[in-house]
Amino acid sequence: ARMRLLPLQPGDVPATCADVEDLAAAVGFSP
């Protein structure tokens, strides 16, 4: 890839990470 590095866009966040313990406990599954 040829990358064009740009600043963070309005509305975006730098990082996401899901705590899925409740899902796993309720239905026995996590991605």
Full PDB file with SEQRES, HELIX, SHEET, SSBOND, CRYST1, ORIGX, SCALE, CONECT and MASTER records, all heavy atoms in Angstrom:
SEQRES   1 A   31  ALA ARG MET ARG LEU LEU PRO LEU GLN PRO GLY ASP VAL          
SEQRES   2 A   31  PRO ALA THR CYS ALA ASP VAL GLU ASP LEU ALA ALA ALA          
SEQRES   3 A   31  VAL GLY PHE SER PRO                                          
HELIX    1 AA1 GLU A   21  VAL A   27  1                                   7    
CRYST1    1.000    1.000    1.000  90.00  90.00  90.00 P 1           1          
ORIGX1      1.000000  0.000000  0.000000        0.00000                         
ORIGX2      0.000000  1.000000  0.000000        0.00000                         
ORIGX3      0.000000  0.000000  1.000000        0.00000                         
SCALE1      1.000000  0.000000  0.000000        0.00000                         
SCALE2      0.000000  1.000000  0.000000        0.00000                         
SCALE3      0.000000  0.000000  1.000000        0.00000                         
ATOM      1  N   ALA A   1       0.836  -1.198   0.000  1.00  0.00           N  
ATOM      2  CA  ALA A   1       0.000   0.000   0.000  1.00  0.00           C  
ATOM      3  C   ALA A   1       0.873   1.250   0.000  1.00  0.00           C  
ATOM      4  O   ALA A   1       1.947   1.272   0.596  1.00  0.00           O  
ATOM      5  CB  ALA A   1      -0.908   0.002   1.227  1.00  0.00           C  
ATOM      6  N   ARG A   2       0.389   2.274  -0.677  1.00  0.00           N  
ATOM      7  CA  ARG A   2       0.974   3.607  -0.543  1.00  0.00           C  
ATOM      8  C   ARG A   2       0.075   4.382   0.411  1.00  0.00           C  
ATOM      9  O   ARG A   2      -1.115   4.532   0.153  1.00  0.00           O  
ATOM     10  CB  ARG A   2       1.048   4.315  -1.897  1.00  0.00           C  
ATOM     11  CG  ARG A   2       2.083   3.699  -2.839  1.00  0.00           C  
ATOM     12  CD  ARG A   2       2.341   4.593  -4.041  1.00  0.00           C  
ATOM     13  NE  ARG A   2       1.191   4.703  -4.921  1.00  0.00           N  
ATOM     14  CZ  ARG A   2       0.586   5.830  -5.272  1.00  0.00           C  
ATOM     15  NH1 ARG A   2       1.015   6.983  -4.771  1.00  0.00           N  
ATOM     16  NH2 ARG A   2      -0.447   5.840  -6.076  1.00  0.00           N  
ATOM     17  N   MET A   3       0.658   4.844   1.510  1.00  0.00           N  
ATOM     18  CA  MET A   3      -0.155   5.453   2.572  1.00  0.00           C  
ATOM     19  C   MET A   3      -0.039   6.964   2.587  1.00  0.00           C  
ATOM     20  O   MET A   3       1.060   7.512   2.487  1.00  0.00           O  
ATOM     21  CB  MET A   3       0.256   4.876   3.930  1.00  0.00           C  
ATOM     22  CG  MET A   3      -0.153   3.439   4.118  1.00  0.00           C  
ATOM     23  SD  MET A   3       0.261   2.807   5.771  1.00  0.00           S  
ATOM     24  CE  MET A   3       1.829   2.034   5.454  1.00  0.00           C  
ATOM     25  N   ARG A   4      -1.195   7.606   2.719  1.00  0.00           N  
ATOM     26  CA  ARG A   4      -1.257   9.049   2.892  1.00  0.00           C  
ATOM     27  C   ARG A   4      -1.653   9.277   4.351  1.00  0.00           C  
ATOM     28  O   ARG A   4      -2.806   9.069   4.736  1.00  0.00           O  
ATOM     29  CB  ARG A   4      -2.291   9.634   1.932  1.00  0.00           C  
ATOM     30  CG  ARG A   4      -2.391  11.144   1.961  1.00  0.00           C  
ATOM     31  CD  ARG A   4      -3.073  11.669   0.705  1.00  0.00           C  
ATOM     32  NE  ARG A   4      -4.292  10.922   0.415  1.00  0.00           N  
ATOM     33  CZ  ARG A   4      -4.803  10.767  -0.807  1.00  0.00           C  
ATOM     34  NH1 ARG A   4      -4.174  11.269  -1.856  1.00  0.00           N  
ATOM     35  NH2 ARG A   4      -5.928  10.109  -0.986  1.00  0.00           N  
ATOM     36  N   LEU A   5      -0.688   9.679   5.177  1.00  0.00           N  
ATOM     37  CA  LEU A   5      -0.922   9.826   6.608  1.00  0.00           C  
ATOM     38  C   LEU A   5      -1.627  11.141   6.898  1.00  0.00           C  
ATOM     39  O   LEU A   5      -1.155  12.216   6.509  1.00  0.00           O  
ATOM     40  CB  LEU A   5       0.404   9.754   7.367  1.00  0.00           C  
ATOM     41  CG  LEU A   5       1.205   8.456   7.170  1.00  0.00           C  
ATOM     42  CD1 LEU A   5       2.498   8.504   7.968  1.00  0.00           C  
ATOM     43  CD2 LEU A   5       0.377   7.237   7.555  1.00  0.00           C  
ATOM     44  N   LEU A   6      -2.766  11.042   7.596  1.00  0.00           N  
ATOM     45  CA  LEU A   6      -3.616  12.200   7.856  1.00  0.00           C  
ATOM     46  C   LEU A   6      -3.940  12.298   9.342  1.00  0.00           C  
ATOM     47  O   LEU A   6      -3.813  11.314  10.080  1.00  0.00           O  
ATOM     48  CB  LEU A   6      -4.916  12.072   7.051  1.00  0.00           C  
ATOM     49  CG  LEU A   6      -4.766  12.011   5.518  1.00  0.00           C  
ATOM     50  CD1 LEU A   6      -6.088  11.637   4.877  1.00  0.00           C  
ATOM     51  CD2 LEU A   6      -4.275  13.346   4.982  1.00  0.00           C  
ATOM     52  N   PRO A   7      -4.379  13.480   9.802  1.00  0.00           N  
ATOM     53  CA  PRO A   7      -4.737  13.621  11.229  1.00  0.00           C  
ATOM     54  C   PRO A   7      -6.036  12.881  11.549  1.00  0.00           C  
ATOM     55  O   PRO A   7      -6.781  12.481  10.655  1.00  0.00           O  
ATOM     56  CB  PRO A   7      -4.900  15.133  11.408  1.00  0.00           C  
ATOM     57  CG  PRO A   7      -5.186  15.652  10.037  1.00  0.00           C  
ATOM     58  CD  PRO A   7      -4.463  14.756   9.079  1.00  0.00           C  
ATOM     59  N   LEU A   8      -6.296  12.718  12.841  1.00  0.00           N  
ATOM     60  CA  LEU A   8      -7.540  12.089  13.302  1.00  0.00           C  
ATOM     61  C   LEU A   8      -8.725  12.919  12.830  1.00  0.00           C  
ATOM     62  O   LEU A   8      -8.723  14.144  12.936  1.00  0.00           O  
ATOM     63  CB  LEU A   8      -7.535  12.002  14.826  1.00  0.00           C  
ATOM     64  CG  LEU A   8      -8.673  11.219  15.483  1.00  0.00           C  
ATOM     65  CD1 LEU A   8      -8.531   9.733  15.199  1.00  0.00           C  
ATOM     66  CD2 LEU A   8      -8.677  11.469  16.990  1.00  0.00           C  
ATOM     67  N   GLN A   9      -9.731  12.233  12.291  1.00  0.00           N  
ATOM     68  CA  GLN A   9     -10.905  12.940  11.787  1.00  0.00           C  
ATOM     69  C   GLN A   9     -11.890  13.246  12.911  1.00  0.00           C  
ATOM     70  O   GLN A   9     -11.997  12.492  13.888  1.00  0.00           O  
ATOM     71  CB  GLN A   9     -11.617  12.084  10.735  1.00  0.00           C  
ATOM     72  CG  GLN A   9     -10.958  12.127   9.377  1.00  0.00           C  
ATOM     73  CD  GLN A   9     -11.971  11.807   8.291  1.00  0.00           C  
ATOM     74  OE1 GLN A   9     -12.759  10.887   8.425  1.00  0.00           O  
ATOM     75  NE2 GLN A   9     -11.949  12.563   7.217  1.00  0.00           N  
ATOM     76  N   PRO A  10     -12.653  14.340  12.772  1.00  0.00           N  
ATOM     77  CA  PRO A  10     -13.705  14.623  13.753  1.00  0.00           C  
ATOM     78  C   PRO A  10     -14.680  13.451  13.849  1.00  0.00           C  
ATOM     79  O   PRO A  10     -15.086  12.878  12.826  1.00  0.00           O  
ATOM     80  CB  PRO A  10     -14.397  15.869  13.177  1.00  0.00           C  
ATOM     81  CG  PRO A  10     -13.367  16.513  12.309  1.00  0.00           C  
ATOM     82  CD  PRO A  10     -12.555  15.387  11.733  1.00  0.00           C  
ATOM     83  N   GLY A  11     -15.042  13.083  15.069  1.00  0.00           N  
ATOM     84  CA  GLY A  11     -15.971  11.977  15.270  1.00  0.00           C  
ATOM     85  C   GLY A  11     -15.298  10.637  15.484  1.00  0.00           C  
ATOM     86  O   GLY A  11     -15.930   9.690  15.957  1.00  0.00           O  
ATOM     87  N   ASP A  12     -14.001  10.529  15.141  1.00  0.00           N  
ATOM     88  CA  ASP A  12     -13.263   9.285  15.326  1.00  0.00           C  
ATOM     89  C   ASP A  12     -12.641   9.220  16.718  1.00  0.00           C  
ATOM     90  O   ASP A  12     -12.437  10.248  17.375  1.00  0.00           O  
ATOM     91  CB  ASP A  12     -12.142   9.158  14.291  1.00  0.00           C  
ATOM     92  CG  ASP A  12     -12.602   8.484  13.009  1.00  0.00           C  
ATOM     93  OD1 ASP A  12     -13.761   8.039  12.975  1.00  0.00           O  
ATOM     94  OD2 ASP A  12     -11.811   8.416  12.059  1.00  0.00           O  
ATOM     95  N   VAL A  13     -12.309   8.006  17.145  1.00  0.00           N  
ATOM     96  CA  VAL A  13     -11.577   7.811  18.400  1.00  0.00           C  
ATOM     97  C   VAL A  13     -10.324   6.997  18.089  1.00  0.00           C  
ATOM     98  O   VAL A  13     -10.300   6.221  17.133  1.00  0.00           O  
ATOM     99  CB  VAL A  13     -12.443   7.089  19.457  1.00  0.00           C  
ATOM    100  CG1 VAL A  13     -13.647   7.946  19.824  1.00  0.00           C  
ATOM    101  CG2 VAL A  13     -12.893   5.717  18.974  1.00  0.00           C  
ATOM    102  N   PRO A  14      -9.265   7.159  18.866  1.00  0.00           N  
ATOM    103  CA  PRO A  14      -8.006   6.473  18.546  1.00  0.00           C  
ATOM    104  C   PRO A  14      -8.044   4.958  18.731  1.00  0.00           C  
ATOM    105  O   PRO A  14      -7.344   4.239  18.027  1.00  0.00           O  
ATOM    106  CB  PRO A  14      -6.994   7.110  19.512  1.00  0.00           C  
ATOM    107  CG  PRO A  14      -7.624   8.364  19.982  1.00  0.00           C  
ATOM    108  CD  PRO A  14      -9.094   8.122  19.965  1.00  0.00           C  
ATOM    109  N   ALA A  15      -8.838   4.469  19.690  1.00  0.00           N  
ATOM    110  CA  ALA A  15      -8.774   3.035  19.996  1.00  0.00           C  
ATOM    111  C   ALA A  15     -10.125   2.520  20.481  1.00  0.00           C  
ATOM    112  O   ALA A  15     -10.886   3.247  21.137  1.00  0.00           O  
ATOM    113  CB  ALA A  15      -7.715   2.753  21.052  1.00  0.00           C  
ATOM    114  N   THR A  16     -10.413   1.259  20.143  1.00  0.00           N  
ATOM    115  CA  THR A  16     -11.581   0.569  20.690  1.00  0.00           C  
ATOM    116  C   THR A  16     -11.181  -0.834  21.116  1.00  0.00           C  
ATOM    117  O   THR A  16     -10.295  -1.449  20.510  1.00  0.00           O  
ATOM    118  CB  THR A  16     -12.741   0.468  19.670  1.00  0.00           C  
ATOM    119  OG1 THR A  16     -12.336  -0.347  18.562  1.00  0.00           O  
ATOM    120  CG2 THR A  16     -13.161   1.837  19.171  1.00  0.00           C  
ATOM    121  N   CYS A  17     -11.827  -1.327  22.151  1.00  0.00           N  
ATOM    122  CA  CYS A  17     -11.590  -2.691  22.630  1.00  0.00           C  
ATOM    123  C   CYS A  17     -12.812  -3.115  23.437  1.00  0.00           C  
ATOM    124  O   CYS A  17     -13.230  -2.392  24.346  1.00  0.00           O  
ATOM    125  CB  CYS A  17     -10.333  -2.755  23.494  1.00  0.00           C  
ATOM    126  SG  CYS A  17     -10.025  -4.387  24.222  1.00  0.00           S  
ATOM    127  N   ALA A  18     -13.382  -4.260  23.106  1.00  0.00           N  
ATOM    128  CA  ALA A  18     -14.622  -4.710  23.729  1.00  0.00           C  
ATOM    129  C   ALA A  18     -14.369  -5.663  24.888  1.00  0.00           C  
ATOM    130  O   ALA A  18     -13.646  -6.655  24.744  1.00  0.00           O  
ATOM    131  CB  ALA A  18     -15.499  -5.407  22.688  1.00  0.00           C  
ATOM    132  N   ASP A  19     -14.976  -5.370  26.014  1.00  0.00           N  
ATOM    133  CA  ASP A  19     -15.093  -6.336  27.102  1.00  0.00           C  
ATOM    134  C   ASP A  19     -16.331  -7.177  26.794  1.00  0.00           C  
ATOM    135  O   ASP A  19     -17.446  -6.652  26.758  1.00  0.00           O  
ATOM    136  CB  ASP A  19     -15.261  -5.597  28.422  1.00  0.00           C  
ATOM    137  CG  ASP A  19     -15.420  -6.526  29.621  1.00  0.00           C  
ATOM    138  OD1 ASP A  19     -15.822  -7.690  29.431  1.00  0.00           O  
ATOM    139  OD2 ASP A  19     -15.170  -6.078  30.753  1.00  0.00           O  
ATOM    140  N   VAL A  20     -16.149  -8.478  26.551  1.00  0.00           N  
ATOM    141  CA  VAL A  20     -17.269  -9.337  26.153  1.00  0.00           C  
ATOM    142  C   VAL A  20     -17.610 -10.376  27.223  1.00  0.00           C  
ATOM    143  O   VAL A  20     -18.256 -11.379  26.932  1.00  0.00           O  
ATOM    144  CB  VAL A  20     -16.980 -10.038  24.800  1.00  0.00           C  
ATOM    145  CG1 VAL A  20     -16.925  -9.020  23.676  1.00  0.00           C  
ATOM    146  CG2 VAL A  20     -15.699 -10.851  24.861  1.00  0.00           C  
ATOM    147  N   GLU A  21     -17.190 -10.123  28.456  1.00  0.00           N  
ATOM    148  CA  GLU A  21     -17.452 -11.098  29.517  1.00  0.00           C  
ATOM    149  C   GLU A  21     -18.947 -11.330  29.732  1.00  0.00           C  
ATOM    150  O   GLU A  21     -19.382 -12.461  29.955  1.00  0.00           O  
ATOM    151  CB  GLU A  21     -16.799 -10.634  30.819  1.00  0.00           C  
ATOM    152  CG  GLU A  21     -15.284 -10.759  30.822  1.00  0.00           C  
ATOM    153  CD  GLU A  21     -14.673 -10.427  32.172  1.00  0.00           C  
ATOM    154  OE1 GLU A  21     -15.458 -10.193  33.130  1.00  0.00           O  
ATOM    155  OE2 GLU A  21     -13.440 -10.408  32.276  1.00  0.00           O  
ATOM    156  N   ASP A  22     -19.740 -10.275  29.648  1.00  0.00           N  
ATOM    157  CA  ASP A  22     -21.187 -10.438  29.847  1.00  0.00           C  
ATOM    158  C   ASP A  22     -21.802 -11.294  28.744  1.00  0.00           C  
ATOM    159  O   ASP A  22     -22.660 -12.149  29.010  1.00  0.00           O  
ATOM    160  CB  ASP A  22     -21.872  -9.078  29.889  1.00  0.00           C  
ATOM    161  CG  ASP A  22     -21.662  -8.356  31.204  1.00  0.00           C  
ATOM    162  OD1 ASP A  22     -20.502  -8.285  31.658  1.00  0.00           O  
ATOM    163  OD2 ASP A  22     -22.637  -7.860  31.784  1.00  0.00           O  
ATOM    164  N   LEU A  23     -21.386 -11.056  27.514  1.00  0.00           N  
ATOM    165  CA  LEU A  23     -21.886 -11.860  26.392  1.00  0.00           C  
ATOM    166  C   LEU A  23     -21.517 -13.324  26.577  1.00  0.00           C  
ATOM    167  O   LEU A  23     -22.359 -14.221  26.418  1.00  0.00           O  
ATOM    168  CB  LEU A  23     -21.308 -11.333  25.072  1.00  0.00           C  
ATOM    169  CG  LEU A  23     -21.712 -12.109  23.821  1.00  0.00           C  
ATOM    170  CD1 LEU A  23     -23.163 -11.854  23.470  1.00  0.00           C  
ATOM    171  CD2 LEU A  23     -20.804 -11.733  22.636  1.00  0.00           C  
ATOM    172  N   ALA A  24     -20.268 -13.591  26.911  1.00  0.00           N  
ATOM    173  CA  ALA A  24     -19.806 -14.970  27.088  1.00  0.00           C  
ATOM    174  C   ALA A  24     -20.565 -15.664  28.212  1.00  0.00           C  
ATOM    175  O   ALA A  24     -20.956 -16.835  28.094  1.00  0.00           O  
ATOM    176  CB  ALA A  24     -18.302 -14.991  27.357  1.00  0.00           C  
ATOM    177  N   ALA A  25     -20.809 -14.933  29.304  1.00  0.00           N  
ATOM    178  CA  ALA A  25     -21.529 -15.519  30.434  1.00  0.00           C  
ATOM    179  C   ALA A  25     -22.980 -15.806  30.082  1.00  0.00           C  
ATOM    180  O   ALA A  25     -23.551 -16.813  30.516  1.00  0.00           O  
ATOM    181  CB  ALA A  25     -21.459 -14.584  31.632  1.00  0.00           C  
ATOM    182  N   ALA A  26     -23.583 -14.938  29.270  1.00  0.00           N  
ATOM    183  CA  ALA A  26     -25.011 -15.072  28.954  1.00  0.00           C  
ATOM    184  C   ALA A  26     -25.281 -16.139  27.900  1.00  0.00           C  
ATOM    185  O   ALA A  26     -26.256 -16.889  28.004  1.00  0.00           O  
ATOM    186  CB  ALA A  26     -25.567 -13.735  28.488  1.00  0.00           C  
ATOM    187  N   VAL A  27     -24.447 -16.212  26.865  1.00  0.00           N  
ATOM    188  CA  VAL A  27     -24.766 -17.103  25.741  1.00  0.00           C  
ATOM    189  C   VAL A  27     -23.651 -18.097  25.417  1.00  0.00           C  
ATOM    190  O   VAL A  27     -23.757 -18.864  24.455  1.00  0.00           O  
ATOM    191  CB  VAL A  27     -25.128 -16.297  24.468  1.00  0.00           C  
ATOM    192  CG1 VAL A  27     -26.338 -15.407  24.736  1.00  0.00           C  
ATOM    193  CG2 VAL A  27     -23.953 -15.459  23.962  1.00  0.00           C  
ATOM    194  N   GLY A  28     -22.561 -18.083  26.190  1.00  0.00           N  
ATOM    195  CA  GLY A  28     -21.499 -19.062  25.981  1.00  0.00           C  
ATOM    196  C   GLY A  28     -20.713 -18.863  24.712  1.00  0.00           C  
ATOM    197  O   GLY A  28     -20.234 -19.818  24.102  1.00  0.00           O  
ATOM    198  N   PHE A  29     -20.556 -17.614  24.282  1.00  0.00           N  
ATOM    199  CA  PHE A  29     -19.838 -17.350  23.031  1.00  0.00           C  
ATOM    200  C   PHE A  29     -19.151 -16.000  23.101  1.00  0.00           C  
ATOM    201  O   PHE A  29     -19.691 -15.036  23.644  1.00  0.00           O  
ATOM    202  CB  PHE A  29     -20.808 -17.345  21.852  1.00  0.00           C  
ATOM    203  CG  PHE A  29     -20.189 -16.882  20.547  1.00  0.00           C  
ATOM    204  CD1 PHE A  29     -19.373 -17.736  19.818  1.00  0.00           C  
ATOM    205  CD2 PHE A  29     -20.401 -15.597  20.078  1.00  0.00           C  
ATOM    206  CE1 PHE A  29     -18.782 -17.306  18.641  1.00  0.00           C  
ATOM    207  CE2 PHE A  29     -19.817 -15.166  18.904  1.00  0.00           C  
ATOM    208  CZ  PHE A  29     -19.006 -16.032  18.174  1.00  0.00           C  
ATOM    209  N   SER A  30     -17.945 -15.942  22.524  1.00  0.00           N  
ATOM    210  CA  SER A  30     -17.288 -14.663  22.284  1.00  0.00           C  
ATOM    211  C   SER A  30     -16.511 -14.767  20.971  1.00  0.00           C  
ATOM    212  O   SER A  30     -15.970 -15.823  20.649  1.00  0.00           O  
ATOM    213  CB  SER A  30     -16.351 -14.280  23.434  1.00  0.00           C  
ATOM    214  OG  SER A  30     -15.377 -15.272  23.645  1.00  0.00           O  
ATOM    215  N   PRO A  31     -16.491 -13.699  20.179  1.00  0.00           N  
ATOM    216  CA  PRO A  31     -15.811 -13.731  18.884  1.00  0.00           C  
ATOM    217  C   PRO A  31     -14.334 -14.083  19.017  1.00  0.00           C  
ATOM    218  O   PRO A  31     -13.681 -13.724  20.004  1.00  0.00           O  
ATOM    219  CB  PRO A  31     -15.981 -12.304  18.365  1.00  0.00           C  
ATOM    220  CG  PRO A  31     -17.237 -11.822  19.023  1.00  0.00           C  
ATOM    221  CD  PRO A  31     -17.194 -12.427  20.395  1.00  0.00           C  
TER     222      PRO A  31                                                      
MASTER        0    0    0    1    0    0    0    6  221    1    0    3          
END                                                                             
